[in-house]
């Protein structure tokens, strides 16, 4: 893009989505580009320097000139993990997507043509044999990195859930509820009590303000707030009653 501001905005948006440790980064690069100098590679390295959740996918191999043996060898070395400058912990895979002339073909036909292309290619057939080329090789690899990533991230997720539970339990204790809140009825009573407590506190505060301010304005404001709180209480009670009915049908 020629617009630097737009380029920076897109980069920030991408980084926001891939910075999460639970996100798998599929680094897609055209076979005709220089893989060592792409902006996408720099973004991936920024958030995943050890490449624990990054996988490289090369596309459009048919656009590499047939007589450019050096480029083809470089791509093959990437897939084999012997490239002198660039290596990926989770591997490099090559796919040949549906071309503009293949719009009328089914997915199965496109995959069959892709397999035929790699089998017959002088250089990339080696990668196909070693299951580094083609969608049929890519899909199991993506599943594998996804499972490994989830396995690594799950303990952290569980710790975060436990922490959130502890925080919520503390908040409940701070509300002075000593009774057991494990049943819908107890929760309904607790919520009703909280609402009534809020209503009482707001009424007291408004009475104080009423004595020192404009009576008409505070009367209108008080009625509006109380009406909203009462309506919320009715809605919440109705939802909780419906929940109890659904959990304990007659």
Protein backbone atom coordinates (compact mmCIF):
# COMPACT_ATOMS: atom_id res chain seq x y z
CA UNK A 1 0.00 0.00 0.00
CA UNK A 2 1.20 3.50 -0.79
CA UNK A 3 -0.70 4.95 2.14
CA UNK A 4 1.66 4.52 5.11
CA UNK A 5 -1.05 5.35 7.64
CA UNK A 6 -3.29 2.59 6.24
CA UNK A 7 -0.39 0.13 6.21
CA UNK A 8 0.39 0.84 9.87
CA UNK A 9 -3.29 0.47 10.81
CA UNK A 10 -3.52 -2.92 9.09
CA UNK A 11 -0.31 -4.06 10.78
CA UNK A 12 -1.60 -3.05 14.22
CA UNK A 13 -4.87 -4.87 13.58
CA UNK A 14 -3.03 -8.05 12.54
CA UNK A 15 -0.74 -7.90 15.58
CA UNK A 16 -3.76 -7.49 17.84
CA UNK A 17 -5.27 -10.75 16.55
CA UNK A 18 -2.10 -12.85 16.52
CA UNK A 19 -0.55 -11.74 19.82
CA UNK A 20 -2.75 -14.07 21.86
CA UNK A 21 -0.88 -17.19 22.96
CA UNK A 22 -3.89 -19.30 21.98
CA UNK A 23 -3.78 -18.16 18.33
CA UNK A 24 -2.22 -20.29 15.60
CA UNK A 25 -0.34 -18.18 13.03
CA UNK A 26 -0.58 -19.46 9.46
CA UNK A 27 2.11 -17.45 7.70
CA UNK A 28 1.04 -17.47 4.04
CA UNK A 29 3.58 -16.31 1.47
CA UNK A 30 3.60 -16.38 -2.31
CA UNK A 31 6.23 -18.65 -3.79
CA UNK A 32 7.42 -15.84 -6.03
CA UNK A 33 8.24 -13.51 -3.10
CA UNK A 34 11.37 -13.33 -0.98
CA UNK A 35 10.36 -15.23 2.19
CA UNK A 36 13.12 -13.66 4.26
CA UNK A 37 11.92 -10.08 3.70
CA UNK A 38 8.13 -10.19 4.05
CA UNK A 39 6.25 -7.94 6.45
CA UNK A 40 4.13 -10.92 7.52
CA UNK A 41 7.24 -12.76 8.73
CA UNK A 42 8.30 -9.77 10.82
CA UNK A 43 4.84 -9.58 12.42
CA UNK A 44 4.93 -13.29 13.28
CA UNK A 45 8.41 -13.00 14.78
CA UNK A 46 7.31 -10.05 16.90
CA UNK A 47 4.63 -12.03 18.78
CA UNK A 48 6.04 -15.56 18.40
CA UNK A 49 9.85 -15.29 18.35
CA UNK A 50 10.34 -19.01 19.08
CA UNK A 51 7.84 -20.01 16.33
CA UNK A 52 5.99 -22.27 18.72
CA UNK A 53 2.63 -21.52 17.07
CA UNK A 54 3.67 -20.37 13.60
CA UNK A 55 3.42 -22.44 10.43
CA UNK A 56 4.53 -21.27 6.98
CA UNK A 57 2.45 -21.97 3.87
CA UNK A 58 3.75 -21.25 0.36
CA UNK A 59 1.18 -20.54 -2.35
CA UNK A 60 1.10 -20.11 -6.15
CA UNK A 61 4.07 -22.38 -6.96
CA UNK A 62 2.90 -22.50 -10.59
CA UNK A 63 3.82 -18.81 -10.94
CA UNK A 64 7.50 -19.55 -10.36
CA UNK A 65 9.17 -19.60 -13.82
CA UNK A 66 9.91 -23.13 -14.98
CA UNK A 67 13.48 -22.17 -15.86
CA UNK A 68 14.21 -20.56 -12.47
CA UNK A 69 15.89 -23.57 -10.91
CA UNK A 70 17.53 -21.50 -8.18
CA UNK A 71 14.18 -20.25 -6.90
CA UNK A 72 12.68 -23.73 -6.98
CA UNK A 73 15.63 -25.17 -5.06
CA UNK A 74 15.34 -22.40 -2.48
CA UNK A 75 11.64 -23.19 -1.94
CA UNK A 76 12.40 -26.89 -1.68
CA UNK A 77 15.08 -26.21 0.94
CA UNK A 78 12.51 -24.23 2.93
CA UNK A 79 10.15 -27.20 2.95
CA UNK A 80 12.95 -29.62 3.80
CA UNK A 81 14.23 -27.42 6.62
CA UNK A 82 17.68 -26.91 5.10
CA UNK A 83 17.34 -23.26 4.05
CA UNK A 84 20.44 -21.27 5.02
CA UNK A 85 18.56 -18.24 6.38
CA UNK A 86 15.10 -19.36 7.38
CA UNK A 87 13.75 -22.31 9.33
CA UNK A 88 10.33 -22.97 10.83
CA UNK A 89 9.86 -25.15 13.87
CA UNK A 90 6.44 -26.37 12.68
CA UNK A 91 7.46 -26.84 9.07
CA UNK A 92 6.83 -25.24 5.70
CA UNK A 93 4.11 -26.52 3.37
CA UNK A 94 3.22 -25.70 -0.22
CA UNK A 95 -0.25 -25.65 -1.75
CA UNK A 96 -1.59 -24.84 -5.18
CA UNK A 97 -4.96 -23.16 -4.79
CA UNK A 98 -7.78 -22.99 -7.30
CA UNK A 99 -6.82 -20.82 -10.28
CA UNK A 100 -9.04 -18.35 -12.12
CA UNK A 101 -9.45 -20.90 -14.91
CA UNK A 102 -10.73 -23.52 -12.44
CA UNK A 103 -13.85 -21.74 -11.18
CA UNK A 104 -16.16 -24.45 -12.51
CA UNK A 105 -14.37 -27.32 -10.80
CA UNK A 106 -15.35 -28.96 -7.52
CA UNK A 107 -13.03 -28.96 -4.52
CA UNK A 108 -12.27 -32.63 -5.10
CA UNK A 109 -11.32 -31.98 -8.74
CA UNK A 110 -9.08 -29.08 -7.73
CA UNK A 111 -7.30 -31.26 -5.18
CA UNK A 112 -6.82 -34.00 -7.74
CA UNK A 113 -5.27 -31.51 -10.16
CA UNK A 114 -3.08 -30.14 -7.35
CA UNK A 115 -1.84 -33.65 -6.54
CA UNK A 116 -1.13 -34.27 -10.23
CA UNK A 117 0.81 -30.97 -10.47
CA UNK A 118 3.09 -31.83 -7.56
CA UNK A 119 3.59 -35.45 -8.64
CA UNK A 120 4.72 -34.36 -12.08
CA UNK A 121 6.81 -31.37 -11.02
CA UNK A 122 10.53 -31.89 -11.45
CA UNK A 123 11.49 -30.21 -8.16
CA UNK A 124 8.38 -30.07 -5.96
CA UNK A 125 7.57 -33.77 -6.42
CA UNK A 126 10.17 -34.45 -3.71
CA UNK A 127 8.22 -32.31 -1.26
CA UNK A 128 4.97 -34.02 -2.27
CA UNK A 129 6.50 -37.44 -1.57
CA UNK A 130 7.65 -36.25 1.84
CA UNK A 131 4.15 -34.87 2.61
CA UNK A 132 5.24 -31.24 2.49
CA UNK A 133 3.11 -30.25 -0.49
CA UNK A 134 -0.64 -30.36 -1.14
CA UNK A 135 -3.76 -29.78 0.97
CA UNK A 136 -3.91 -33.43 2.00
CA UNK A 137 -0.54 -32.98 3.72
CA UNK A 138 -1.28 -29.54 5.11
CA UNK A 139 -4.52 -30.38 6.94
CA UNK A 140 -3.06 -32.99 9.35
CA UNK A 141 -0.16 -30.64 10.08
CA UNK A 142 -2.56 -27.81 10.99
CA UNK A 143 -4.54 -30.17 13.22
CA UNK A 144 -1.34 -31.26 14.93
CA UNK A 145 -0.09 -27.74 15.71
CA UNK A 146 -3.59 -26.78 16.89
CA UNK A 147 -3.74 -29.69 19.34
CA UNK A 148 -0.23 -28.99 20.63
CA UNK A 149 -1.04 -25.32 21.08
CA UNK A 150 -4.25 -26.08 22.97
CA UNK A 151 -2.44 -28.60 25.17
CA UNK A 152 0.21 -25.99 26.02
CA UNK A 153 -2.30 -23.19 26.61
CA UNK A 154 -4.89 -25.20 28.58
CA UNK A 155 -3.11 -25.05 31.99
CA UNK A 156 -2.86 -21.26 31.73
CA UNK A 157 -6.53 -21.05 30.77
CA UNK A 158 -7.54 -23.21 33.71
CA UNK A 159 -5.50 -21.03 36.09
CA UNK A 160 -7.22 -17.95 34.71
CA UNK A 161 -10.66 -19.53 35.19
CA UNK A 162 -9.80 -20.46 38.79
CA UNK A 163 -8.55 -16.94 39.43
CA UNK A 164 -11.79 -15.47 38.06
CA UNK A 165 -13.82 -17.80 40.28
CA UNK A 166 -11.81 -16.72 43.32
CA UNK A 167 -12.39 -13.06 42.44
CA UNK A 168 -16.15 -13.58 42.08
CA UNK A 169 -16.34 -15.52 45.33
CA UNK A 170 -14.53 -12.69 47.10
CA UNK A 171 -16.96 -10.18 45.60
CA UNK A 172 -19.88 -12.23 46.93
CA UNK A 173 -18.30 -12.35 50.38
CA UNK A 174 -17.82 -8.59 50.28
CA UNK A 175 -21.56 -8.29 49.75
CA UNK A 176 -22.11 -9.91 53.17
CA UNK A 177 -23.91 -13.01 51.88
CA UNK A 178 -23.16 -15.78 54.32
CA UNK A 179 -25.77 -18.19 53.02
CA UNK A 180 -25.19 -20.87 50.43
CA UNK A 181 -25.77 -19.51 46.89
CA UNK A 182 -25.63 -22.84 45.07
CA UNK A 183 -29.38 -23.00 44.29
CA UNK A 184 -31.39 -20.77 41.90
CA UNK A 185 -33.72 -19.79 44.77
CA UNK A 186 -30.83 -18.62 46.94
CA UNK A 187 -29.34 -16.67 44.05
CA UNK A 188 -32.71 -15.07 43.35
CA UNK A 189 -32.99 -13.99 46.98
CA UNK A 190 -29.43 -12.63 46.96
CA UNK A 191 -30.00 -10.59 43.80
CA UNK A 192 -33.30 -9.21 45.14
CA UNK A 193 -31.57 -8.25 48.37
CA UNK A 194 -28.81 -6.48 46.48
CA UNK A 195 -31.30 -4.55 44.37
CA UNK A 196 -33.30 -3.49 47.44
CA UNK A 197 -30.08 -2.42 49.16
CA UNK A 198 -29.10 -0.31 46.15
CA UNK A 199 -32.58 1.20 45.99
CA UNK A 200 -32.42 2.09 49.69
CA UNK A 201 -28.98 3.67 49.40
CA UNK A 202 -29.97 5.67 46.35
CA UNK A 203 -33.16 6.82 48.04
CA UNK A 204 -31.17 8.00 51.08
CA UNK A 205 -28.69 9.82 48.87
CA UNK A 206 -31.48 11.45 46.90
CA UNK A 207 -33.27 12.53 50.06
CA UNK A 208 -30.09 14.26 51.22
CA UNK A 209 -29.67 15.91 47.86
CA UNK A 210 -33.35 16.85 47.81
CA UNK A 211 -32.98 18.82 51.01
CA UNK A 212 -30.10 20.83 49.55
CA UNK A 213 -31.14 21.14 45.90
CA UNK A 214 -33.97 21.69 43.50
CA UNK A 215 -36.96 19.63 44.64
CA UNK A 216 -38.58 19.27 41.19
CA UNK A 217 -35.42 18.05 39.45
CA UNK A 218 -34.56 15.57 42.19
CA UNK A 219 -38.12 14.26 42.40
CA UNK A 220 -38.16 13.52 38.67
CA UNK A 221 -34.70 11.96 38.78
CA UNK A 222 -35.59 9.85 41.80
CA UNK A 223 -38.77 8.53 40.18
CA UNK A 224 -36.94 7.66 36.98
CA UNK A 225 -34.14 5.77 38.73
CA UNK A 226 -36.50 3.92 41.04
CA UNK A 227 -38.68 2.91 38.11
CA UNK A 228 -35.68 1.53 36.24
CA UNK A 229 -34.46 -0.42 39.25
CA UNK A 230 -37.90 -1.89 39.91
CA UNK A 231 -38.28 -2.93 36.30
CA UNK A 232 -34.86 -4.57 36.34
CA UNK A 233 -35.81 -6.42 39.52
CA UNK A 234 -39.00 -7.75 37.91
CA UNK A 235 -37.14 -8.89 34.81
CA UNK A 236 -34.41 -10.60 36.80
CA UNK A 237 -36.89 -12.37 39.05
CA UNK A 238 -38.86 -13.59 36.04
CA UNK A 239 -35.70 -14.93 34.39
CA UNK A 240 -34.64 -16.72 37.55
CA UNK A 241 -38.12 -18.21 38.06
CA UNK A 242 -38.10 -19.48 34.48
CA UNK A 243 -34.67 -20.98 35.07
CA UNK A 244 -35.95 -22.80 38.16
CA UNK A 245 -38.96 -24.15 36.22
CA UNK A 246 -36.75 -25.40 33.39
CA UNK A 247 -34.34 -27.08 35.82
CA UNK A 248 -37.12 -28.56 37.98
CA UNK A 249 -40.12 -29.35 35.75
CA UNK A 250 -43.27 -30.63 37.39
